[in-house]
């Protein structure tokens, strides 16, 4: 399969948040695997949405239905606010930017411990989410078993908390997207033949101590990876066009051994020691269709 990558950029659309495991640095390796023709597009673990925004920039999503799912309720709320109310979001982010300090960061982080947190406005919750994303350590989103955000503040001198052009462009790109706070398994309710599905789940950990899978209060380990494999296999049988990113581990390669498993090189950014960062091997798995 070859991608239609000769379409000129009209505007550059990009993620409005940082995301651990985001694919912006891998797009040049993923794009050549994109099917030349497909119907609807699904990104069931949307995260930062790097591939979605790149496909939109390339014009490959014109006149197509787009489905963006994630189990992280605060992330999906932010997507919907960016889509539907970018101007109010920008106004709110500017206020947070003016207040930014170590004390304000930890006060803001602690808001999800309050009983009435979910009753706060969608714009306020999206503002908090983006503010924490732009100011926390390495843009990491991590919660504890109770679902409380627990990432420490980052060491940024002047974090870019409110990037107006990125938010407005993202809003434009999202106008025809169906954005849902739901499990990736719901892709089975909507996908059909010749649809394109890109899975970018929490990666299977390289070691027991290296897991960064707590993007929600739900774990995503061996049992969950096997369940995802069954969905991948079923979509392939339905003649959907499926691509899946994951860690380069014996477990993942054995699980998907009946499919095309290719190794790619990615940059590792999340490590407390600079010596632990650098190139790391990952896999891109392509369905048979």
Protein backbone atom coordinates (compact mmCIF):
# COMPACT_ATOMS: atom_id res chain seq x y z
CA UNK A 1 0.00 0.00 0.00
CA UNK A 2 1.21 3.49 -0.74
CA UNK A 3 -0.03 6.78 0.63
CA UNK A 4 -1.26 9.70 -1.41
CA UNK A 5 1.31 12.04 0.10
CA UNK A 6 1.73 14.35 -2.89
CA UNK A 7 -1.25 16.52 -1.88
CA UNK A 8 0.07 20.00 -0.98
CA UNK A 9 -0.48 21.39 2.49
CA UNK A 10 -3.03 24.15 2.64
CA UNK A 11 -2.57 24.66 6.36
CA UNK A 12 -0.72 22.72 9.03
CA UNK A 13 -2.95 21.09 11.59
CA UNK A 14 -1.37 19.58 14.68
CA UNK A 15 -2.19 18.30 18.17
CA UNK A 16 -3.20 20.93 20.71
CA UNK A 17 -1.67 18.90 23.57
CA UNK A 18 1.50 16.93 24.20
CA UNK A 19 0.96 13.21 24.67
CA UNK A 20 3.21 10.43 25.87
CA UNK A 21 3.70 8.03 23.00
CA UNK A 22 2.43 10.64 20.54
CA UNK A 23 3.20 9.85 16.91
CA UNK A 24 4.38 13.20 15.53
CA UNK A 25 7.96 11.93 15.33
CA UNK A 26 6.88 8.72 13.58
CA UNK A 27 4.56 10.12 10.93
CA UNK A 28 7.14 9.72 8.17
CA UNK A 29 7.26 5.99 8.97
CA UNK A 30 3.50 5.55 9.37
CA UNK A 31 2.27 7.53 6.35
CA UNK A 32 3.74 5.11 3.76
CA UNK A 33 1.54 2.36 5.25
CA UNK A 34 -1.67 4.37 4.89
CA UNK A 35 -4.06 2.73 2.41
CA UNK A 36 -4.43 4.65 -0.83
CA UNK A 37 -8.21 4.42 -0.64
CA UNK A 38 -10.44 4.02 2.39
CA UNK A 39 -13.89 5.02 3.55
CA UNK A 40 -14.31 6.16 7.16
CA UNK A 41 -11.40 6.79 9.53
CA UNK A 42 -11.20 5.55 13.12
CA UNK A 43 -8.66 6.41 15.81
CA UNK A 44 -9.95 4.53 18.88
CA UNK A 45 -7.09 5.57 21.22
CA UNK A 46 -6.91 9.15 20.01
CA UNK A 47 -4.50 10.60 22.60
CA UNK A 48 -2.88 13.63 20.97
CA UNK A 49 -4.34 12.69 17.58
CA UNK A 50 -1.11 13.22 15.64
CA UNK A 51 -2.05 10.90 12.78
CA UNK A 52 -5.57 12.33 12.52
CA UNK A 53 -4.25 15.89 12.24
CA UNK A 54 -1.61 14.83 9.72
CA UNK A 55 -4.15 13.03 7.54
CA UNK A 56 -6.38 16.10 7.71
CA UNK A 57 -3.46 18.33 6.72
CA UNK A 58 -2.75 16.09 3.74
CA UNK A 59 -6.36 16.29 2.61
CA UNK A 60 -6.87 12.55 3.06
CA UNK A 61 -9.97 12.93 5.25
CA UNK A 62 -12.04 15.09 2.93
CA UNK A 63 -15.63 13.88 2.63
CA UNK A 64 -14.99 11.07 5.12
CA UNK A 65 -16.56 10.31 8.48
CA UNK A 66 -14.02 10.46 11.29
CA UNK A 67 -14.44 8.69 14.65
CA UNK A 68 -12.13 9.63 17.53
CA UNK A 69 -12.50 7.60 20.73
CA UNK A 70 -10.72 7.56 24.07
CA UNK A 71 -11.51 6.20 27.54
CA UNK A 72 -10.01 9.32 29.14
CA UNK A 73 -13.02 11.53 29.91
CA UNK A 74 -11.01 14.72 30.50
CA UNK A 75 -9.16 14.29 27.22
CA UNK A 76 -12.38 13.80 25.26
CA UNK A 77 -13.98 16.77 27.01
CA UNK A 78 -11.02 18.88 25.87
CA UNK A 79 -11.45 17.67 22.29
CA UNK A 80 -15.13 18.57 22.30
CA UNK A 81 -14.46 22.03 23.75
CA UNK A 82 -11.74 22.69 21.16
CA UNK A 83 -14.21 21.60 18.48
CA UNK A 84 -17.24 23.53 19.71
CA UNK A 85 -16.00 26.46 21.79
CA UNK A 86 -12.41 27.42 20.93
CA UNK A 87 -12.80 31.15 21.59
CA UNK A 88 -14.03 30.70 25.17
CA UNK A 89 -11.33 28.11 25.74
CA UNK A 90 -8.62 30.53 24.60
CA UNK A 91 -9.96 33.27 26.89
CA UNK A 92 -9.92 30.85 29.82
CA UNK A 93 -6.42 29.55 29.01
CA UNK A 94 -5.07 33.10 28.96
CA UNK A 95 -6.37 33.60 32.50
CA UNK A 96 -4.65 30.41 33.63
CA UNK A 97 -1.47 31.53 31.88
CA UNK A 98 -1.49 34.79 33.85
CA UNK A 99 -1.88 32.88 37.14
CA UNK A 100 0.73 30.22 36.40
CA UNK A 101 3.04 29.44 39.31
CA UNK A 102 4.06 26.39 41.30
CA UNK A 103 1.36 27.08 43.87
CA UNK A 104 -1.33 27.60 41.22
CA UNK A 105 -0.26 24.41 39.44
CA UNK A 106 -0.75 22.23 42.51
CA UNK A 107 -4.01 23.97 43.43
CA UNK A 108 -5.27 23.29 39.91
CA UNK A 109 -4.05 19.70 39.91
CA UNK A 110 -5.91 19.03 43.18
CA UNK A 111 -9.30 20.10 41.82
CA UNK A 112 -10.20 16.59 40.70
CA UNK A 113 -10.21 15.54 44.38
CA UNK A 114 -13.28 17.72 44.97
CA UNK A 115 -16.71 16.11 44.93
CA UNK A 116 -18.17 18.72 42.58
CA UNK A 117 -15.33 18.57 40.03
CA UNK A 118 -17.42 16.94 37.29
CA UNK A 119 -20.07 19.65 37.77
CA UNK A 120 -17.65 22.35 36.64
CA UNK A 121 -18.18 23.69 33.15
CA UNK A 122 -16.79 21.83 30.16
CA UNK A 123 -14.68 24.88 29.25
CA UNK A 124 -13.17 25.08 32.73
CA UNK A 125 -12.31 21.37 32.79
CA UNK A 126 -10.77 21.59 29.32
CA UNK A 127 -8.75 24.62 30.40
CA UNK A 128 -7.47 22.77 33.45
CA UNK A 129 -6.61 19.71 31.36
CA UNK A 130 -4.63 21.68 28.76
CA UNK A 131 -2.96 23.85 31.41
CA UNK A 132 -1.73 20.81 33.33
CA UNK A 133 -0.61 19.17 30.09
CA UNK A 134 1.47 22.20 29.12
CA UNK A 135 3.04 22.71 32.56
CA UNK A 136 3.49 19.24 34.08
CA UNK A 137 6.60 17.06 33.85
CA UNK A 138 7.20 16.10 30.19
CA UNK A 139 3.52 16.55 29.33
CA UNK A 140 2.81 13.24 31.05
CA UNK A 141 -0.82 12.42 31.83
CA UNK A 142 -0.93 9.94 34.70
CA UNK A 143 -3.56 9.21 37.33
CA UNK A 144 -3.61 7.04 40.42
CA UNK A 145 -6.04 4.21 41.18
CA UNK A 146 -8.70 6.76 42.18
CA UNK A 147 -8.36 8.60 38.89
CA UNK A 148 -6.61 11.63 40.40
CA UNK A 149 -3.96 13.44 38.35
CA UNK A 150 -0.61 13.00 40.13
CA UNK A 151 2.12 14.32 37.81
CA UNK A 152 4.52 16.89 39.34
CA UNK A 153 5.09 20.31 37.82
CA UNK A 154 7.64 20.56 35.02
CA UNK A 155 10.66 22.86 34.95
CA UNK A 156 9.53 25.19 32.16
CA UNK A 157 10.55 28.85 32.27
CA UNK A 158 7.86 30.09 29.91
CA UNK A 159 5.42 27.30 28.93
CA UNK A 160 3.26 27.95 25.86
CA UNK A 161 -0.07 27.38 27.59
CA UNK A 162 -2.31 29.05 25.02
CA UNK A 163 -1.40 28.62 21.34
CA UNK A 164 -4.32 30.32 19.62
CA UNK A 165 -3.53 29.33 16.04
CA UNK A 166 -3.07 25.66 16.97
CA UNK A 167 -6.40 25.61 18.84
CA UNK A 168 -8.33 27.34 16.06
CA UNK A 169 -6.83 25.06 13.41
CA UNK A 170 -7.57 22.00 15.54
CA UNK A 171 -11.15 23.21 15.93
CA UNK A 172 -11.49 23.46 12.16
CA UNK A 173 -10.08 19.96 11.65
CA UNK A 174 -12.47 18.49 14.24
CA UNK A 175 -15.70 19.94 12.83
CA UNK A 176 -16.76 16.74 11.06
CA UNK A 177 -15.35 14.34 13.66
CA UNK A 178 -17.47 12.21 15.95
CA UNK A 179 -15.69 12.42 19.32
CA UNK A 180 -16.66 9.89 21.99
CA UNK A 181 -15.59 9.04 25.53
CA UNK A 182 -15.83 5.31 24.99
CA UNK A 183 -13.87 2.10 24.76
CA UNK A 184 -11.91 1.24 21.63
CA UNK A 185 -14.20 -1.82 21.39
CA UNK A 186 -17.01 0.43 20.19
CA UNK A 187 -15.22 0.61 16.86
CA UNK A 188 -17.00 -2.69 16.18
CA UNK A 189 -20.35 -0.88 16.32
CA UNK A 190 -19.44 1.48 13.49
CA UNK A 191 -16.65 0.11 11.29
CA UNK A 192 -17.31 -1.75 8.06
CA UNK A 193 -15.51 -2.93 4.95
CA UNK A 194 -12.79 -0.61 3.61
CA UNK A 195 -12.78 1.63 6.66
CA UNK A 196 -9.33 2.52 8.03
CA UNK A 197 -8.64 1.92 11.74
CA UNK A 198 -5.47 3.04 13.50
CA UNK A 199 -4.83 1.60 16.97
CA UNK A 200 -2.31 3.36 19.22
CA UNK A 201 -3.04 1.85 22.65
CA UNK A 202 -1.02 2.16 25.85
CA UNK A 203 2.03 0.11 24.96
CA UNK A 204 2.79 -3.25 26.46
CA UNK A 205 5.60 -2.49 28.94
CA UNK A 206 9.17 -3.39 28.03
CA UNK A 207 9.77 -4.33 31.66
CA UNK A 208 7.61 -4.63 34.77
CA UNK A 209 8.89 -1.28 36.08
CA UNK A 210 8.70 0.66 32.79
CA UNK A 211 4.92 0.78 32.41
CA UNK A 212 3.38 4.19 31.61
CA UNK A 213 -0.09 2.79 31.03
CA UNK A 214 -2.00 4.80 33.64
CA UNK A 215 -3.66 7.30 31.29
CA UNK A 216 -6.87 6.46 33.10
CA UNK A 217 -7.76 4.49 36.20
CA UNK A 218 -7.98 1.41 33.98
CA UNK A 219 -4.97 -0.82 33.36
CA UNK A 220 -3.94 -2.02 29.89
CA UNK A 221 -1.69 -5.00 30.31
CA UNK A 222 -1.55 -8.57 28.98
CA UNK A 223 -5.25 -9.39 29.26
CA UNK A 224 -6.25 -6.10 27.66
CA UNK A 225 -3.68 -6.46 24.87
CA UNK A 226 -5.11 -9.90 24.01
CA UNK A 227 -8.63 -8.43 23.91
CA UNK A 228 -7.39 -5.71 21.57
CA UNK A 229 -5.78 -8.37 19.36
CA UNK A 230 -9.15 -10.12 19.02
CA UNK A 231 -10.76 -6.85 17.89
CA UNK A 232 -7.88 -6.22 15.45
CA UNK A 233 -8.31 -9.73 14.00
CA UNK A 234 -12.09 -9.35 13.70
CA UNK A 235 -11.75 -6.01 11.88
CA UNK A 236 -9.28 -7.59 9.48
CA UNK A 237 -11.76 -10.38 8.76
CA UNK A 238 -14.35 -7.68 8.01
CA UNK A 239 -11.97 -6.31 5.33
CA UNK A 240 -11.19 -3.18 7.32
CA UNK A 241 -7.74 -1.69 6.80
CA UNK A 242 -6.03 -1.84 10.17
CA UNK A 243 -2.70 -0.54 11.52
CA UNK A 244 -1.51 -0.91 15.10
CA UNK A 245 1.45 0.65 16.96
CA UNK A 246 2.96 -1.07 19.99
CA UNK A 247 6.19 -1.88 21.83
CA UNK A 248 8.83 -4.12 20.30
CA UNK A 249 8.40 -7.05 22.69
CA UNK A 250 8.31 -10.81 22.22
CA UNK A 251 4.78 -10.86 23.64
CA UNK A 252 3.40 -8.42 21.06
CA UNK A 253 5.29 -9.92 18.12
CA UNK A 254 4.14 -13.44 18.99
CA UNK A 255 0.55 -12.26 19.51
CA UNK A 256 0.42 -10.67 16.04
CA UNK A 257 2.65 -13.21 14.28
CA UNK A 258 0.02 -13.97 11.61
CA UNK A 259 0.14 -10.32 10.48
CA UNK A 260 2.83 -8.09 9.02
CA UNK A 261 4.94 -6.83 11.94
CA UNK A 262 7.55 -4.19 11.06
CA UNK A 263 10.08 -2.57 13.35
CA UNK A 264 10.54 1.21 13.44
CA UNK A 265 12.77 3.54 15.44
CA UNK A 266 11.21 6.05 17.84
CA UNK A 267 12.59 8.63 20.24
CA UNK A 268 12.20 7.90 23.93
CA UNK A 269 11.39 11.13 25.84
CA UNK A 270 9.86 9.93 29.10
CA UNK A 271 12.72 9.09 31.43
CA UNK A 272 13.89 10.84 34.58
CA UNK A 273 17.50 10.48 33.42
CA UNK A 274 18.72 11.95 30.14
CA UNK A 275 20.86 8.84 29.61
CA UNK A 276 17.65 6.81 29.45
CA UNK A 277 16.35 8.77 26.47
CA UNK A 278 17.14 8.15 22.83
CA UNK A 279 16.12 5.75 20.07
CA UNK A 280 13.95 2.78 20.90
CA UNK A 281 12.50 0.09 18.66
CA UNK A 282 8.71 -0.11 18.26
CA UNK A 283 6.48 -2.15 15.97
CA UNK A 284 3.92 -1.21 13.35
CA UNK A 285 1.49 -4.02 12.65
CA UNK A 286 -0.51 -4.07 9.45
CA UNK A 287 -3.59 -6.12 8.74
CA UNK A 288 -3.76 -8.51 5.81
CA UNK A 289 -6.14 -6.31 3.80
